[in-house]
PDB file of all heavy atoms in Angstrom:
ATOM      1  N   ARG A   1       0.828  -1.209   0.000  1.00  0.00           N
ATOM      2  CA  ARG A   1       0.000   0.000   0.000  1.00  0.00           C
ATOM      3  C   ARG A   1       0.862   1.259   0.000  1.00  0.00           C
ATOM      4  O   ARG A   1       0.482   2.290  -0.555  1.00  0.00           O
ATOM      5  CB  ARG A   1      -0.925   0.008   1.228  1.00  0.00           C
ATOM      6  CG  ARG A   1      -2.024  -1.025   1.202  1.00  0.00           C
ATOM      7  CD  ARG A   1      -3.135  -0.672   0.237  1.00  0.00           C
ATOM      8  NE  ARG A   1      -3.902   0.473   0.648  1.00  0.00           N
ATOM      9  CZ  ARG A   1      -4.969   0.435   1.442  1.00  0.00           C
ATOM     10  NH1 ARG A   1      -5.396  -0.722   1.928  1.00  0.00           N
ATOM     11  NH2 ARG A   1      -5.627   1.535   1.751  1.00  0.00           N
ATOM     12  N   ASN A   2       2.047   1.181   0.601  1.00  0.00           N
ATOM     13  CA  ASN A   2       2.931   2.330   0.677  1.00  0.00           C
ATOM     14  C   ASN A   2       3.660   2.568  -0.650  1.00  0.00           C
ATOM     15  O   ASN A   2       3.836   3.708  -1.077  1.00  0.00           O
ATOM     16  CB  ASN A   2       3.955   2.129   1.804  1.00  0.00           C
ATOM     17  CG  ASN A   2       4.862   3.328   1.978  1.00  0.00           C
ATOM     18  OD1 ASN A   2       4.393   4.451   2.098  1.00  0.00           O
ATOM     19  ND2 ASN A   2       6.168   3.089   1.986  1.00  0.00           N
ATOM     20  N   ILE A   3       4.066   1.477  -1.311  1.00  0.00           N
ATOM     21  CA  ILE A   3       4.872   1.607  -2.527  1.00  0.00           C
ATOM     22  C   ILE A   3       3.982   1.386  -3.742  1.00  0.00           C
ATOM     23  O   ILE A   3       3.990   0.335  -4.370  1.00  0.00           O
ATOM     24  CB  ILE A   3       6.056   0.626  -2.513  1.00  0.00           C
ATOM     25  CG1 ILE A   3       6.900   0.824  -1.254  1.00  0.00           C
ATOM     26  CG2 ILE A   3       6.921   0.786  -3.762  1.00  0.00           C
ATOM     27  CD1 ILE A   3       8.043  -0.137  -1.112  1.00  0.00           C
ATOM     28  N   GLY A   4       3.187   2.344  -4.060  1.00  0.00           N
ATOM     29  CA  GLY A   4       2.403   2.316  -5.287  1.00  0.00           C
ATOM     30  C   GLY A   4       1.230   1.368  -5.289  1.00  0.00           C
ATOM     31  O   GLY A   4       0.613   1.151  -6.332  1.00  0.00           O
ATOM     32  N   GLY A   5       0.883   0.766  -4.135  1.00  0.00           N
ATOM     33  CA  GLY A   5      -0.116  -0.293  -4.130  1.00  0.00           C
ATOM     34  C   GLY A   5      -1.484   0.096  -3.633  1.00  0.00           C
ATOM     35  O   GLY A   5      -2.350  -0.767  -3.491  1.00  0.00           O
ATOM     36  N   THR A   6      -1.715   1.380  -3.335  1.00  0.00           N
ATOM     37  CA  THR A   6      -3.052   1.795  -2.916  1.00  0.00           C
ATOM     38  C   THR A   6      -3.854   2.172  -4.152  1.00  0.00           C
ATOM     39  O   THR A   6      -3.533   3.124  -4.860  1.00  0.00           O
ATOM     40  CB  THR A   6      -2.999   2.978  -1.929  1.00  0.00           C
ATOM     41  OG1 THR A   6      -2.354   2.547  -0.727  1.00  0.00           O
ATOM     42  CG2 THR A   6      -4.394   3.466  -1.601  1.00  0.00           C
ATOM     43  N   ASN A   7      -4.891   1.392  -4.395  1.00  0.00           N
ATOM     44  CA  ASN A   7      -5.757   1.606  -5.550  1.00  0.00           C
ATOM     45  C   ASN A   7      -7.059   2.242  -5.077  1.00  0.00           C
ATOM     46  O   ASN A   7      -7.472   2.056  -3.932  1.00  0.00           O
ATOM     47  CB  ASN A   7      -6.028   0.253  -6.224  1.00  0.00           C
ATOM     48  CG  ASN A   7      -6.772   0.382  -7.524  1.00  0.00           C
ATOM     49  OD1 ASN A   7      -8.000   0.445  -7.540  1.00  0.00           O
ATOM     50  ND2 ASN A   7      -6.034   0.426  -8.632  1.00  0.00           N
ATOM     51  N   HIS A   8      -7.719   2.945  -5.960  1.00  0.00           N
ATOM     52  CA  HIS A   8      -8.974   3.607  -5.582  1.00  0.00           C
ATOM     53  C   HIS A   8     -10.006   2.599  -5.086  1.00  0.00           C
ATOM     54  O   HIS A   8     -10.815   2.917  -4.203  1.00  0.00           O
ATOM     55  CB  HIS A   8      -9.532   4.399  -6.765  1.00  0.00           C
ATOM     56  CG  HIS A   8     -10.729   5.227  -6.413  1.00  0.00           C
ATOM     57  ND1 HIS A   8     -10.730   6.145  -5.375  1.00  0.00           N
ATOM     58  CD2 HIS A   8     -11.985   5.273  -6.954  1.00  0.00           C
ATOM     59  CE1 HIS A   8     -11.922   6.722  -5.293  1.00  0.00           C
ATOM     60  NE2 HIS A   8     -12.695   6.199  -6.232  1.00  0.00           N
ATOM     61  N   TYR A   9      -9.972   1.380  -5.626  1.00  0.00           N
ATOM     62  CA  TYR A   9     -10.900   0.354  -5.142  1.00  0.00           C
ATOM     63  C   TYR A   9     -10.653   0.013  -3.672  1.00  0.00           C
ATOM     64  O   TYR A   9     -11.589  -0.313  -2.932  1.00  0.00           O
ATOM     65  CB  TYR A   9     -10.781  -0.913  -5.995  1.00  0.00           C
ATOM     66  CG  TYR A   9     -11.351  -0.785  -7.375  1.00  0.00           C
ATOM     67  CD1 TYR A   9     -10.526  -0.809  -8.498  1.00  0.00           C
ATOM     68  CD2 TYR A   9     -12.725  -0.647  -7.582  1.00  0.00           C
ATOM     69  CE1 TYR A   9     -11.043  -0.703  -9.773  1.00  0.00           C
ATOM     70  CE2 TYR A   9     -13.253  -0.536  -8.862  1.00  0.00           C
ATOM     71  CZ  TYR A   9     -12.409  -0.558  -9.952  1.00  0.00           C
ATOM     72  OH  TYR A   9     -12.926  -0.450 -11.219  1.00  0.00           O
ATOM     73  N   HIS A  10      -9.403   0.069  -3.233  1.00  0.00           N
ATOM     74  CA  HIS A  10      -9.106  -0.160  -1.819  1.00  0.00           C
ATOM     75  C   HIS A  10      -9.791   0.896  -0.952  1.00  0.00           C
ATOM     76  O   HIS A  10     -10.376   0.577   0.088  1.00  0.00           O
ATOM     77  CB  HIS A  10      -7.595  -0.117  -1.566  1.00  0.00           C
ATOM     78  CG  HIS A  10      -6.829  -1.169  -2.284  1.00  0.00           C
ATOM     79  ND1 HIS A  10      -5.597  -0.922  -2.860  1.00  0.00           N
ATOM     80  CD2 HIS A  10      -7.100  -2.470  -2.552  1.00  0.00           C
ATOM     81  CE1 HIS A  10      -5.143  -2.030  -3.417  1.00  0.00           C
ATOM     82  NE2 HIS A  10      -6.040  -2.982  -3.254  1.00  0.00           N
ATOM     83  N   VAL A  11      -9.694   2.131  -1.374  1.00  0.00           N
ATOM     84  CA  VAL A  11     -10.294   3.233  -0.611  1.00  0.00           C
ATOM     85  C   VAL A  11     -11.804   3.066  -0.542  1.00  0.00           C
ATOM     86  O   VAL A  11     -12.416   3.185   0.538  1.00  0.00           O
ATOM     87  CB  VAL A  11      -9.918   4.582  -1.250  1.00  0.00           C
ATOM     88  CG1 VAL A  11     -10.601   5.738  -0.514  1.00  0.00           C
ATOM     89  CG2 VAL A  11      -8.396   4.772  -1.253  1.00  0.00           C
ATOM     90  N   LEU A  12     -12.420   2.768  -1.672  1.00  0.00           N
ATOM     91  CA  LEU A  12     -13.876   2.595  -1.698  1.00  0.00           C
ATOM     92  C   LEU A  12     -14.309   1.404  -0.840  1.00  0.00           C
ATOM     93  O   LEU A  12     -15.315   1.477  -0.120  1.00  0.00           O
ATOM     94  CB  LEU A  12     -14.352   2.391  -3.137  1.00  0.00           C
ATOM     95  CG  LEU A  12     -14.198   3.573  -4.095  1.00  0.00           C
ATOM     96  CD1 LEU A  12     -14.621   3.165  -5.499  1.00  0.00           C
ATOM     97  CD2 LEU A  12     -15.005   4.771  -3.611  1.00  0.00           C
ATOM     98  N   LEU A  13     -13.543   0.322  -0.902  1.00  0.00           N
ATOM     99  CA  LEU A  13     -13.893  -0.873  -0.138  1.00  0.00           C
ATOM    100  C   LEU A  13     -13.759  -0.626   1.358  1.00  0.00           C
ATOM    101  O   LEU A  13     -14.621  -1.053   2.144  1.00  0.00           O
ATOM    102  CB  LEU A  13     -13.020  -2.039  -0.585  1.00  0.00           C
ATOM    103  CG  LEU A  13     -13.261  -3.394   0.085  1.00  0.00           C
ATOM    104  CD1 LEU A  13     -14.726  -3.813   0.013  1.00  0.00           C
ATOM    105  CD2 LEU A  13     -12.363  -4.468  -0.558  1.00  0.00           C
ATOM    106  N   GLU A  14     -12.707   0.058   1.780  1.00  0.00           N
ATOM    107  CA  GLU A  14     -12.559   0.366   3.201  1.00  0.00           C
ATOM    108  C   GLU A  14     -13.690   1.257   3.693  1.00  0.00           C
ATOM    109  O   GLU A  14     -14.206   1.060   4.812  1.00  0.00           O
ATOM    110  CB  GLU A  14     -11.191   1.007   3.453  1.00  0.00           C
ATOM    111  CG  GLU A  14     -10.051  -0.007   3.372  1.00  0.00           C
ATOM    112  CD  GLU A  14      -8.673   0.597   3.494  1.00  0.00           C
ATOM    113  OE1 GLU A  14      -8.521   1.815   3.276  1.00  0.00           O
ATOM    114  OE2 GLU A  14      -7.719  -0.153   3.791  1.00  0.00           O
ATOM    115  N   GLN A  15     -14.117   2.191   2.889  1.00  0.00           N
ATOM    116  CA  GLN A  15     -15.257   3.027   3.270  1.00  0.00           C
ATOM    117  C   GLN A  15     -16.527   2.188   3.410  1.00  0.00           C
ATOM    118  O   GLN A  15     -17.312   2.367   4.345  1.00  0.00           O
ATOM    119  CB  GLN A  15     -15.458   4.140   2.235  1.00  0.00           C
ATOM    120  CG  GLN A  15     -14.348   5.181   2.212  1.00  0.00           C
ATOM    121  CD  GLN A  15     -14.482   6.151   1.045  1.00  0.00           C
ATOM    122  OE1 GLN A  15     -15.288   5.956   0.128  1.00  0.00           O
ATOM    123  NE2 GLN A  15     -13.666   7.202   1.059  1.00  0.00           N
ATOM    124  N   GLU A  16     -16.722   1.259   2.489  1.00  0.00           N
ATOM    125  CA  GLU A  16     -17.921   0.414   2.508  1.00  0.00           C
ATOM    126  C   GLU A  16     -17.932  -0.509   3.726  1.00  0.00           C
ATOM    127  O   GLU A  16     -18.977  -0.738   4.343  1.00  0.00           O
ATOM    128  CB  GLU A  16     -17.979  -0.411   1.223  1.00  0.00           C
ATOM    129  CG  GLU A  16     -19.357  -0.914   0.849  1.00  0.00           C
ATOM    130  CD  GLU A  16     -20.271   0.175   0.314  1.00  0.00           C
ATOM    131  OE1 GLU A  16     -19.779   1.075  -0.388  1.00  0.00           O
ATOM    132  OE2 GLU A  16     -21.482   0.109   0.606  1.00  0.00           O
ATOM    133  N   LEU A  17     -16.767  -1.034   4.085  1.00  0.00           N
ATOM    134  CA  LEU A  17     -16.670  -1.929   5.233  1.00  0.00           C
ATOM    135  C   LEU A  17     -16.860  -1.174   6.548  1.00  0.00           C
ATOM    136  O   LEU A  17     -17.503  -1.687   7.473  1.00  0.00           O
ATOM    137  CB  LEU A  17     -15.323  -2.656   5.216  1.00  0.00           C
ATOM    138  CG  LEU A  17     -15.158  -3.661   4.082  1.00  0.00           C
ATOM    139  CD1 LEU A  17     -13.696  -4.098   3.958  1.00  0.00           C
ATOM    140  CD2 LEU A  17     -16.058  -4.876   4.284  1.00  0.00           C
ATOM    141  N   ALA A  18     -16.308   0.019   6.638  1.00  0.00           N
ATOM    142  CA  ALA A  18     -16.531   0.839   7.838  1.00  0.00           C
ATOM    143  C   ALA A  18     -18.022   1.101   8.015  1.00  0.00           C
ATOM    144  O   ALA A  18     -18.566   0.993   9.123  1.00  0.00           O
ATOM    145  CB  ALA A  18     -15.747   2.140   7.737  1.00  0.00           C
ATOM    146  N   ASP A  19     -18.694   1.426   6.920  1.00  0.00           N
ATOM    147  CA  ASP A  19     -20.138   1.660   6.979  1.00  0.00           C
ATOM    148  C   ASP A  19     -20.890   0.397   7.362  1.00  0.00           C
ATOM    149  O   ASP A  19     -21.863   0.440   8.133  1.00  0.00           O
ATOM    150  CB  ASP A  19     -20.628   2.177   5.627  1.00  0.00           C
ATOM    151  CG  ASP A  19     -22.140   2.311   5.577  1.00  0.00           C
ATOM    152  OD1 ASP A  19     -22.669   3.291   6.132  1.00  0.00           O
ATOM    153  OD2 ASP A  19     -22.799   1.423   4.993  1.00  0.00           O
ATOM    154  N   LEU A  20     -20.470  -0.756   6.838  1.00  0.00           N
ATOM    155  CA  LEU A  20     -21.136  -2.021   7.133  1.00  0.00           C
ATOM    156  C   LEU A  20     -21.209  -2.276   8.633  1.00  0.00           C
ATOM    157  O   LEU A  20     -22.221  -2.769   9.146  1.00  0.00           O
ATOM    158  CB  LEU A  20     -20.399  -3.171   6.442  1.00  0.00           C
ATOM    159  CG  LEU A  20     -20.905  -4.588   6.721  1.00  0.00           C
ATOM    160  CD1 LEU A  20     -22.316  -4.782   6.172  1.00  0.00           C
ATOM    161  CD2 LEU A  20     -19.953  -5.622   6.134  1.00  0.00           C
ATOM    162  N   HIS A  21     -20.129  -1.935   9.341  1.00  0.00           N
ATOM    163  CA  HIS A  21     -20.058  -2.222  10.775  1.00  0.00           C
ATOM    164  C   HIS A  21     -20.299  -0.998  11.657  1.00  0.00           C
ATOM    165  O   HIS A  21     -20.157  -1.088  12.885  1.00  0.00           O
ATOM    166  CB  HIS A  21     -18.700  -2.848  11.100  1.00  0.00           C
ATOM    167  CG  HIS A  21     -18.480  -4.181  10.454  1.00  0.00           C
ATOM    168  ND1 HIS A  21     -19.188  -5.310  10.808  1.00  0.00           N
ATOM    169  CD2 HIS A  21     -17.648  -4.562   9.443  1.00  0.00           C
ATOM    170  CE1 HIS A  21     -18.785  -6.330  10.058  1.00  0.00           C
ATOM    171  NE2 HIS A  21     -17.858  -5.908   9.227  1.00  0.00           N
ATOM    172  N   GLY A  22     -20.638   0.129  11.042  1.00  0.00           N
ATOM    173  CA  GLY A  22     -20.909   1.333  11.828  1.00  0.00           C
ATOM    174  C   GLY A  22     -19.681   1.874  12.527  1.00  0.00           C
ATOM    175  O   GLY A  22     -19.772   2.434  13.625  1.00  0.00           O
ATOM    176  N   LYS A  23     -18.508   1.731  11.892  1.00  0.00           N
ATOM    177  CA  LYS A  23     -17.255   2.202  12.479  1.00  0.00           C
ATOM    178  C   LYS A  23     -16.704   3.381  11.679  1.00  0.00           C
ATOM    179  O   LYS A  23     -17.116   3.652  10.559  1.00  0.00           O
ATOM    180  CB  LYS A  23     -16.226   1.065  12.494  1.00  0.00           C
ATOM    181  CG  LYS A  23     -16.643  -0.147  13.313  1.00  0.00           C
ATOM    182  CD  LYS A  23     -16.829   0.195  14.780  1.00  0.00           C
ATOM    183  CE  LYS A  23     -17.134  -1.033  15.617  1.00  0.00           C
ATOM    184  NZ  LYS A  23     -17.423  -0.692  17.038  1.00  0.00           N
ATOM    185  N   GLU A  24     -15.749   4.071  12.268  1.00  0.00           N
ATOM    186  CA  GLU A  24     -15.154   5.231  11.610  1.00  0.00           C
ATOM    187  C   GLU A  24     -14.268   4.839  10.437  1.00  0.00           C
ATOM    188  O   GLU A  24     -14.161   5.584   9.459  1.00  0.00           O
ATOM    189  CB  GLU A  24     -14.314   6.029  12.619  1.00  0.00           C
ATOM    190  CG  GLU A  24     -15.119   6.709  13.701  1.00  0.00           C
ATOM    191  CD  GLU A  24     -14.243   7.438  14.703  1.00  0.00           C
ATOM    192  OE1 GLU A  24     -13.005   7.224  14.700  1.00  0.00           O
ATOM    193  OE2 GLU A  24     -14.789   8.229  15.495  1.00  0.00           O
ATOM    194  N   ALA A  25     -13.610   3.689  10.549  1.00  0.00           N
ATOM    195  CA  ALA A  25     -12.597   3.344   9.543  1.00  0.00           C
ATOM    196  C   ALA A  25     -12.486   1.834   9.403  1.00  0.00           C
ATOM    197  O   ALA A  25     -12.981   1.059  10.231  1.00  0.00           O
ATOM    198  CB  ALA A  25     -11.240   3.933   9.925  1.00  0.00           C
ATOM    199  N   ALA A  26     -11.825   1.427   8.320  1.00  0.00           N
ATOM    200  CA  ALA A  26     -11.507   0.018   8.072  1.00  0.00           C
ATOM    201  C   ALA A  26     -10.110  -0.057   7.483  1.00  0.00           C
ATOM    202  O   ALA A  26      -9.579   0.936   6.957  1.00  0.00           O
ATOM    203  CB  ALA A  26     -12.523  -0.611   7.125  1.00  0.00           C
ATOM    204  N   LEU A  27      -9.518  -1.232   7.565  1.00  0.00           N
ATOM    205  CA  LEU A  27      -8.184  -1.453   7.011  1.00  0.00           C
ATOM    206  C   LEU A  27      -8.156  -2.821   6.351  1.00  0.00           C
ATOM    207  O   LEU A  27      -8.519  -3.830   6.963  1.00  0.00           O
ATOM    208  CB  LEU A  27      -7.120  -1.382   8.113  1.00  0.00           C
ATOM    209  CG  LEU A  27      -5.661  -1.387   7.655  1.00  0.00           C
ATOM    210  CD1 LEU A  27      -5.334  -0.122   6.865  1.00  0.00           C
ATOM    211  CD2 LEU A  27      -4.728  -1.519   8.865  1.00  0.00           C
ATOM    212  N   LEU A  28      -7.730  -2.857   5.080  1.00  0.00           N
ATOM    213  CA  LEU A  28      -7.698  -4.086   4.303  1.00  0.00           C
ATOM    214  C   LEU A  28      -6.392  -4.852   4.492  1.00  0.00           C
ATOM    215  O   LEU A  28      -5.316  -4.258   4.622  1.00  0.00           O
ATOM    216  CB  LEU A  28      -7.835  -3.769   2.811  1.00  0.00           C
ATOM    217  CG  LEU A  28      -9.196  -3.337   2.289  1.00  0.00           C
ATOM    218  CD1 LEU A  28      -9.074  -2.953   0.824  1.00  0.00           C
ATOM    219  CD2 LEU A  28     -10.213  -4.451   2.473  1.00  0.00           C
ATOM    220  N   PHE A  29      -6.494  -6.159   4.457  1.00  0.00           N
ATOM    221  CA  PHE A  29      -5.345  -7.059   4.432  1.00  0.00           C
ATOM    222  C   PHE A  29      -5.572  -8.062   3.306  1.00  0.00           C
ATOM    223  O   PHE A  29      -6.673  -8.165   2.765  1.00  0.00           O
ATOM    224  CB  PHE A  29      -5.201  -7.798   5.763  1.00  0.00           C
ATOM    225  CG  PHE A  29      -4.878  -6.909   6.930  1.00  0.00           C
ATOM    226  CD1 PHE A  29      -5.877  -6.195   7.577  1.00  0.00           C
ATOM    227  CD2 PHE A  29      -3.585  -6.784   7.387  1.00  0.00           C
ATOM    228  CE1 PHE A  29      -5.595  -5.378   8.653  1.00  0.00           C
ATOM    229  CE2 PHE A  29      -3.280  -5.960   8.470  1.00  0.00           C
ATOM    230  CZ  PHE A  29      -4.286  -5.255   9.106  1.00  0.00           C
ATOM    231  N   ASN A  30      -4.523  -8.819   2.960  1.00  0.00           N
ATOM    232  CA  ASN A  30      -4.695  -9.754   1.848  1.00  0.00           C
ATOM    233  C   ASN A  30      -5.282 -11.096   2.255  1.00  0.00           C
ATOM    234  O   ASN A  30      -5.490 -11.967   1.413  1.00  0.00           O
ATOM    235  CB  ASN A  30      -3.397  -9.950   1.053  1.00  0.00           C
ATOM    236  CG  ASN A  30      -2.216 -10.253   1.928  1.00  0.00           C
ATOM    237  OD1 ASN A  30      -2.375 -10.783   3.023  1.00  0.00           O
ATOM    238  ND2 ASN A  30      -1.021  -9.916   1.457  1.00  0.00           N
ATOM    239  N   SER A  31      -5.584 -11.295   3.537  1.00  0.00           N
ATOM    240  CA  SER A  31      -6.322 -12.472   3.990  1.00  0.00           C
ATOM    241  C   SER A  31      -6.847 -12.212   5.388  1.00  0.00           C
ATOM    242  O   SER A  31      -6.348 -11.342   6.111  1.00  0.00           O
ATOM    243  CB  SER A  31      -5.439 -13.731   4.001  1.00  0.00           C
ATOM    244  OG  SER A  31      -4.494 -13.662   5.063  1.00  0.00           O
ATOM    245  N   GLY A  32      -7.847 -13.000   5.788  1.00  0.00           N
ATOM    246  CA  GLY A  32      -8.330 -12.915   7.157  1.00  0.00           C
ATOM    247  C   GLY A  32      -7.297 -13.397   8.153  1.00  0.00           C
ATOM    248  O   GLY A  32      -7.247 -12.916   9.286  1.00  0.00           O
ATOM    249  N   TYR A  33      -6.479 -14.361   7.757  1.00  0.00           N
ATOM    250  CA  TYR A  33      -5.393 -14.810   8.626  1.00  0.00           C
ATOM    251  C   TYR A  33      -4.465 -13.644   8.934  1.00  0.00           C
ATOM    252  O   TYR A  33      -4.094 -13.404  10.087  1.00  0.00           O
ATOM    253  CB  TYR A  33      -4.616 -15.945   7.957  1.00  0.00           C
ATOM    254  CG  TYR A  33      -3.636 -16.648   8.870  1.00  0.00           C
ATOM    255  CD1 TYR A  33      -3.931 -17.894   9.392  1.00  0.00           C
ATOM    256  CD2 TYR A  33      -2.415 -16.068   9.209  1.00  0.00           C
ATOM    257  CE1 TYR A  33      -3.044 -18.564  10.237  1.00  0.00           C
ATOM    258  CE2 TYR A  33      -1.522 -16.705  10.048  1.00  0.00           C
ATOM    259  CZ  TYR A  33      -1.838 -17.951  10.559  1.00  0.00           C
ATOM    260  OH  TYR A  33      -0.952 -18.582  11.407  1.00  0.00           O
ATOM    261  N   MET A  34      -4.112 -12.898   7.889  1.00  0.00           N
ATOM    262  CA  MET A  34      -3.188 -11.790   8.088  1.00  0.00           C
ATOM    263  C   MET A  34      -3.820 -10.664   8.903  1.00  0.00           C
ATOM    264  O   MET A  34      -3.142 -10.038   9.735  1.00  0.00           O
ATOM    265  CB  MET A  34      -2.720 -11.251   6.732  1.00  0.00           C
ATOM    266  CG  MET A  34      -1.682 -10.137   6.832  1.00  0.00           C
ATOM    267  SD  MET A  34      -0.173 -10.637   7.704  1.00  0.00           S
ATOM    268  CE  MET A  34       0.610 -11.642   6.455  1.00  0.00           C
ATOM    269  N   SER A  35      -5.108 -10.397   8.701  1.00  0.00           N
ATOM    270  CA  SER A  35      -5.727  -9.310   9.467  1.00  0.00           C
ATOM    271  C   SER A  35      -5.742  -9.644  10.954  1.00  0.00           C
ATOM    272  O   SER A  35      -5.508  -8.766  11.795  1.00  0.00           O
ATOM    273  CB  SER A  35      -7.139  -9.007   8.956  1.00  0.00           C
ATOM    274  OG  SER A  35      -7.948 -10.145   8.901  1.00  0.00           O
ATOM    275  N   ASN A  36      -5.994 -10.896  11.308  1.00  0.00           N
ATOM    276  CA  ASN A  36      -5.942 -11.293  12.720  1.00  0.00           C
ATOM    277  C   ASN A  36      -4.516 -11.281  13.246  1.00  0.00           C
ATOM    278  O   ASN A  36      -4.228 -10.719  14.311  1.00  0.00           O
ATOM    279  CB  ASN A  36      -6.526 -12.703  12.891  1.00  0.00           C
ATOM    280  CG  ASN A  36      -8.012 -12.700  13.137  1.00  0.00           C
ATOM    281  OD1 ASN A  36      -8.578 -11.733  13.640  1.00  0.00           O
ATOM    282  ND2 ASN A  36      -8.674 -13.795  12.788  1.00  0.00           N
ATOM    283  N   TRP A  37      -3.624 -11.925  12.517  1.00  0.00           N
ATOM    284  CA  TRP A  37      -2.234 -12.056  12.975  1.00  0.00           C
ATOM    285  C   TRP A  37      -1.588 -10.685  13.169  1.00  0.00           C
ATOM    286  O   TRP A  37      -0.979 -10.412  14.211  1.00  0.00           O
ATOM    287  CB  TRP A  37      -1.446 -12.882  11.959  1.00  0.00           C
ATOM    288  CG  TRP A  37      -0.005 -13.109  12.316  1.00  0.00           C
ATOM    289  CD1 TRP A  37       0.493 -14.086  13.107  1.00  0.00           C
ATOM    290  CD2 TRP A  37       1.112 -12.316  11.877  1.00  0.00           C
ATOM    291  NE1 TRP A  37       1.869 -13.963  13.190  1.00  0.00           N
ATOM    292  CE2 TRP A  37       2.263 -12.882  12.445  1.00  0.00           C
ATOM    293  CE3 TRP A  37       1.243 -11.195  11.061  1.00  0.00           C
ATOM    294  CZ2 TRP A  37       3.529 -12.366  12.225  1.00  0.00           C
ATOM    295  CZ3 TRP A  37       2.509 -10.681  10.841  1.00  0.00           C
ATOM    296  CH2 TRP A  37       3.638 -11.265  11.424  1.00  0.00           C
ATOM    297  N   ALA A  38      -1.741  -9.818  12.169  1.00  0.00           N
ATOM    298  CA  ALA A  38      -1.073  -8.520  12.231  1.00  0.00           C
ATOM    299  C   ALA A  38      -1.728  -7.593  13.252  1.00  0.00           C
ATOM    300  O   ALA A  38      -1.040  -6.889  14.007  1.00  0.00           O
ATOM    301  CB  ALA A  38      -1.089  -7.866  10.848  1.00  0.00           C
ATOM    302  N   SER A  39      -3.043  -7.583  13.294  1.00  0.00           N
ATOM    303  CA  SER A  39      -3.735  -6.645  14.181  1.00  0.00           C
ATOM    304  C   SER A  39      -3.581  -7.030  15.647  1.00  0.00           C
ATOM    305  O   SER A  39      -3.219  -6.201  16.490  1.00  0.00           O
ATOM    306  CB  SER A  39      -5.220  -6.574  13.809  1.00  0.00           C
ATOM    307  OG  SER A  39      -5.386  -6.147  12.478  1.00  0.00           O
ATOM    308  N   LEU A  40      -3.855  -8.299  15.971  1.00  0.00           N
ATOM    309  CA  LEU A  40      -3.705  -8.731  17.358  1.00  0.00           C
ATOM    310  C   LEU A  40      -2.249  -8.652  17.801  1.00  0.00           C
ATOM    311  O   LEU A  40      -1.955  -8.227  18.932  1.00  0.00           O
ATOM    312  CB  LEU A  40      -4.229 -10.156  17.526  1.00  0.00           C
ATOM    313  CG  LEU A  40      -5.745 -10.308  17.563  1.00  0.00           C
ATOM    314  CD1 LEU A  40      -6.140 -11.767  17.439  1.00  0.00           C
ATOM    315  CD2 LEU A  40      -6.305  -9.717  18.853  1.00  0.00           C
ATOM    316  N   GLY A  41      -1.341  -9.054  16.912  1.00  0.00           N
ATOM    317  CA  GLY A  41       0.077  -8.994  17.265  1.00  0.00           C
ATOM    318  C   GLY A  41       0.542  -7.579  17.534  1.00  0.00           C
ATOM    319  O   GLY A  41       1.326  -7.335  18.469  1.00  0.00           O
ATOM    320  N   THR A  42       0.064  -6.623  16.740  1.00  0.00           N
ATOM    321  CA  THR A  42       0.479  -5.229  16.910  1.00  0.00           C
ATOM    322  C   THR A  42      -0.134  -4.614  18.158  1.00  0.00           C
ATOM    323  O   THR A  42       0.563  -3.990  18.975  1.00  0.00           O
ATOM    324  CB  THR A  42       0.073  -4.413  15.669  1.00  0.00           C
ATOM    325  OG1 THR A  42       0.729  -4.963  14.526  1.00  0.00           O
ATOM    326  CG2 THR A  42       0.452  -2.954  15.825  1.00  0.00           C
ATOM    327  N   LEU A  43      -1.427  -4.778  18.341  1.00  0.00           N
ATOM    328  CA  LEU A  43      -2.094  -4.173  19.495  1.00  0.00           C
ATOM    329  C   LEU A  43      -1.550  -4.748  20.805  1.00  0.00           C
ATOM    330  O   LEU A  43      -1.229  -4.001  21.741  1.00  0.00           O
ATOM    331  CB  LEU A  43      -3.602  -4.405  19.410  1.00  0.00           C
ATOM    332  CG  LEU A  43      -4.330  -3.689  18.262  1.00  0.00           C
ATOM    333  CD1 LEU A  43      -5.759  -4.198  18.138  1.00  0.00           C
ATOM    334  CD2 LEU A  43      -4.310  -2.171  18.467  1.00  0.00           C
TER     335      LEU A  43
END
């Protein structure tokens, strides 16, 4: 996402997902495994 990999579809999808769950923001990962591993590990 940092090196040329943020596409407009990513932005639209994150907005749609935030709305789906009634949250301020969303963040995409390339798998559900990675979203759990990276998010829980970081927090």
